[in-house]
Amino acid sequence: MTYKVAVLTISDKCSKEEREDKSGKIVMELLKKHPFEVIKYEVIPDEPSMIKERLVDYCDNLKVSLVLTTGGTGFTPRDFTPEATKEVIEREVPGIPEAMRVECLKFSPRAMLSRSIAGIRGRTLIVNLPGSSKGAKESLEVILDVLAHGIDMIAGKEH
């Protein structure tokens, strides 16, 4: 079985094409080795209303199984991804970002500064990944092997 995925990069600079979106591309490359098919990829600015609008659209209209965001999880005044995500999810899944932070601390003490969250909206799992390509890659590698099982549980399949 293949799961439909949306990848959303949230970055003012990438949305203005002032910087290349390396993290989104790395996320999509990692997904190719697993039963995931990216059906939507977008780069948008750090605007809370736009983030919420995209997340709702991917979950409610595109009905993807998984949304992976990159960016907007740090401390800068324009980092709103976790707050926007919290406004659209129905149930939080704290174990996913906890696992990412714990494992990524082995590579960099900066991992403790990630404000990433994860949660469920309808039949979709949403996971915030860091915006740096290194952080996004390492974080996704921590959780990649269990995502399909979590998605199956959301869909009500036997587990």
Protein backbone atom coordinates (compact mmCIF):
# COMPACT_ATOMS: atom_id res chain seq x y z
CA MET A 1 0.00 0.00 0.00
CA THR A 2 1.17 3.51 -0.82
CA TYR A 3 0.26 6.47 1.38
CA LYS A 4 -0.48 9.91 -0.09
CA VAL A 5 1.69 12.68 1.33
CA ALA A 6 1.81 16.49 1.15
CA VAL A 7 5.11 18.27 1.83
CA LEU A 8 4.85 21.91 2.87
CA THR A 9 7.95 24.07 3.21
CA ILE A 10 7.33 27.18 5.29
CA SER A 11 9.96 29.82 4.66
CA ASP A 12 9.80 33.50 3.78
CA LYS A 13 13.12 33.34 1.89
CA CYS A 14 12.32 30.15 -0.03
CA SER A 15 8.86 31.42 -0.96
CA LYS A 16 10.49 34.54 -2.47
CA GLU A 17 13.07 32.32 -4.22
CA GLU A 18 15.87 34.05 -2.30
CA ARG A 19 17.01 30.62 -1.10
CA GLU A 20 16.62 27.10 -2.47
CA ASP A 21 14.30 24.77 -0.56
CA LYS A 22 16.75 22.01 0.31
CA SER A 23 14.81 20.62 3.28
CA GLY A 24 11.62 19.95 1.32
CA LYS A 25 13.61 18.21 -1.41
CA ILE A 26 15.47 16.05 1.12
CA VAL A 27 12.16 15.06 2.75
CA MET A 28 10.72 14.03 -0.62
CA GLU A 29 13.85 12.05 -1.47
CA LEU A 30 13.71 10.13 1.84
CA LEU A 31 10.05 9.29 1.28
CA LYS A 32 10.83 7.58 -2.05
CA LYS A 33 12.46 4.67 -0.20
CA HIS A 34 9.22 3.98 1.69
CA PRO A 35 5.56 3.40 0.77
CA PHE A 36 4.85 7.11 0.42
CA GLU A 37 3.84 9.10 -2.66
CA VAL A 38 4.14 12.87 -2.57
CA ILE A 39 1.06 14.21 -4.34
CA LYS A 40 1.45 17.83 -3.24
CA TYR A 41 4.52 19.97 -2.63
CA GLU A 42 4.42 23.68 -1.90
CA VAL A 43 6.60 26.44 -0.54
CA ILE A 44 4.82 29.24 1.32
CA PRO A 45 5.85 32.18 3.55
CA ASP A 46 5.69 32.14 7.34
CA GLU A 47 2.09 33.36 7.50
CA PRO A 48 -0.09 31.61 10.12
CA SER A 49 -3.34 31.99 8.15
CA MET A 50 -1.73 30.55 5.02
CA ILE A 51 -0.20 27.65 6.96
CA LYS A 52 -3.58 26.78 8.52
CA GLU A 53 -5.34 27.10 5.15
CA ARG A 54 -2.90 24.69 3.47
CA LEU A 55 -3.02 22.15 6.30
CA VAL A 56 -6.82 22.10 6.30
CA ASP A 57 -6.89 21.78 2.50
CA TYR A 58 -4.44 18.86 2.45
CA CYS A 59 -6.34 17.02 5.20
CA ASP A 60 -9.96 17.78 4.33
CA ASN A 61 -9.89 18.13 0.54
CA LEU A 62 -6.85 16.24 -0.75
CA LYS A 63 -7.34 13.67 2.01
CA VAL A 64 -3.64 12.83 2.26
CA SER A 65 -2.56 10.35 4.91
CA LEU A 66 0.45 12.42 5.97
CA VAL A 67 1.48 16.07 5.92
CA LEU A 68 5.12 16.88 6.58
CA THR A 69 6.00 20.52 7.14
CA THR A 70 9.52 21.91 7.19
CA GLY A 71 10.42 25.24 8.69
CA GLY A 72 8.93 27.68 11.13
CA THR A 73 9.69 25.62 14.25
CA GLY A 74 12.44 27.76 15.75
CA PHE A 75 12.56 30.86 17.93
CA THR A 76 12.51 33.69 15.39
CA PRO A 77 9.61 36.16 15.48
CA ARG A 78 8.32 34.69 12.17
CA ASP A 79 8.27 31.02 13.31
CA PHE A 80 4.55 30.15 13.59
CA THR A 81 4.31 26.57 12.30
CA PRO A 82 3.61 24.81 15.64
CA GLU A 83 0.98 27.39 16.62
CA ALA A 84 -0.77 27.14 13.23
CA THR A 85 -0.63 23.35 13.41
CA LYS A 86 -2.14 23.31 16.91
CA GLU A 87 -5.08 25.33 15.64
CA VAL A 88 -6.01 22.74 12.99
CA ILE A 89 -5.29 19.41 14.69
CA GLU A 90 -7.88 17.55 16.74
CA ARG A 91 -5.49 15.36 18.74
CA GLU A 92 -1.82 15.92 19.54
CA VAL A 93 0.75 13.13 19.15
CA PRO A 94 3.54 14.21 21.52
CA GLY A 95 5.67 11.07 21.16
CA ILE A 96 6.71 11.89 17.59
CA PRO A 97 8.42 15.25 18.27
CA GLU A 98 9.75 13.93 21.58
CA ALA A 99 11.47 11.05 19.76
CA MET A 100 12.85 13.39 17.09
CA ARG A 101 14.32 15.76 19.68
CA VAL A 102 15.81 12.98 21.84
CA GLU A 103 17.49 11.20 18.93
CA CYS A 104 18.62 14.39 17.19
CA LEU A 105 20.25 15.64 20.41
CA LYS A 106 22.85 12.94 19.76
CA PHE A 107 23.89 14.90 16.65
CA SER A 108 23.40 18.50 17.80
CA PRO A 109 22.51 20.27 21.05
CA ARG A 110 20.40 22.65 18.93
CA ALA A 111 17.77 19.91 18.59
CA MET A 112 16.39 20.97 21.99
CA LEU A 113 15.43 24.27 20.43
CA SER A 114 12.94 22.69 18.03
CA ARG A 115 9.30 23.50 18.79
CA SER A 116 7.98 20.87 16.36
CA ILE A 117 4.66 19.22 17.13
CA ALA A 118 2.64 16.41 15.58
CA GLY A 119 -1.06 15.74 15.56
CA ILE A 120 -4.07 14.23 13.85
CA ARG A 121 -6.76 15.99 11.86
CA GLY A 122 -9.47 13.66 10.62
CA ARG A 123 -7.63 10.78 8.96
CA THR A 124 -4.37 12.69 8.47
CA LEU A 125 -1.17 12.77 10.52
CA ILE A 126 0.62 16.14 10.50
CA VAL A 127 4.28 16.32 11.56
CA ASN A 128 6.39 19.49 11.83
CA LEU A 129 10.03 19.00 10.85
CA PRO A 130 12.82 21.55 11.33
CA GLY A 131 13.62 23.90 8.48
CA SER A 132 17.31 23.11 8.19
CA SER A 133 18.03 20.37 5.68
CA LYS A 134 20.17 18.52 8.26
CA GLY A 135 17.49 18.80 10.96
CA ALA A 136 14.67 17.78 8.61
CA LYS A 137 16.61 14.75 7.37
CA GLU A 138 17.71 13.53 10.80
CA SER A 139 14.26 14.08 12.33
CA LEU A 140 12.42 12.28 9.54
CA GLU A 141 14.86 9.36 9.68
CA VAL A 142 13.98 8.88 13.37
CA ILE A 143 10.25 8.45 12.69
CA LEU A 144 10.06 7.16 9.12
CA ASP A 145 9.79 3.47 9.92
CA VAL A 146 6.79 3.91 12.25
CA LEU A 147 4.75 6.44 10.26
CA ALA A 148 2.90 3.82 8.17
CA HIS A 149 1.81 1.99 11.33
CA GLY A 150 0.52 5.23 12.86
CA ILE A 151 -1.34 6.13 9.67
CA ASP A 152 -2.92 2.67 9.59
CA MET A 153 -4.14 3.13 13.16
CA ILE A 154 -5.66 6.52 12.29
CA ALA A 155 -7.48 4.82 9.40
CA GLY A 156 -8.86 2.20 11.82
CA LYS A 157 -6.95 -0.73 10.35
CA GLU A 158 -5.94 -3.77 12.38
CA HIS A 159 -2.70 -3.34 14.28
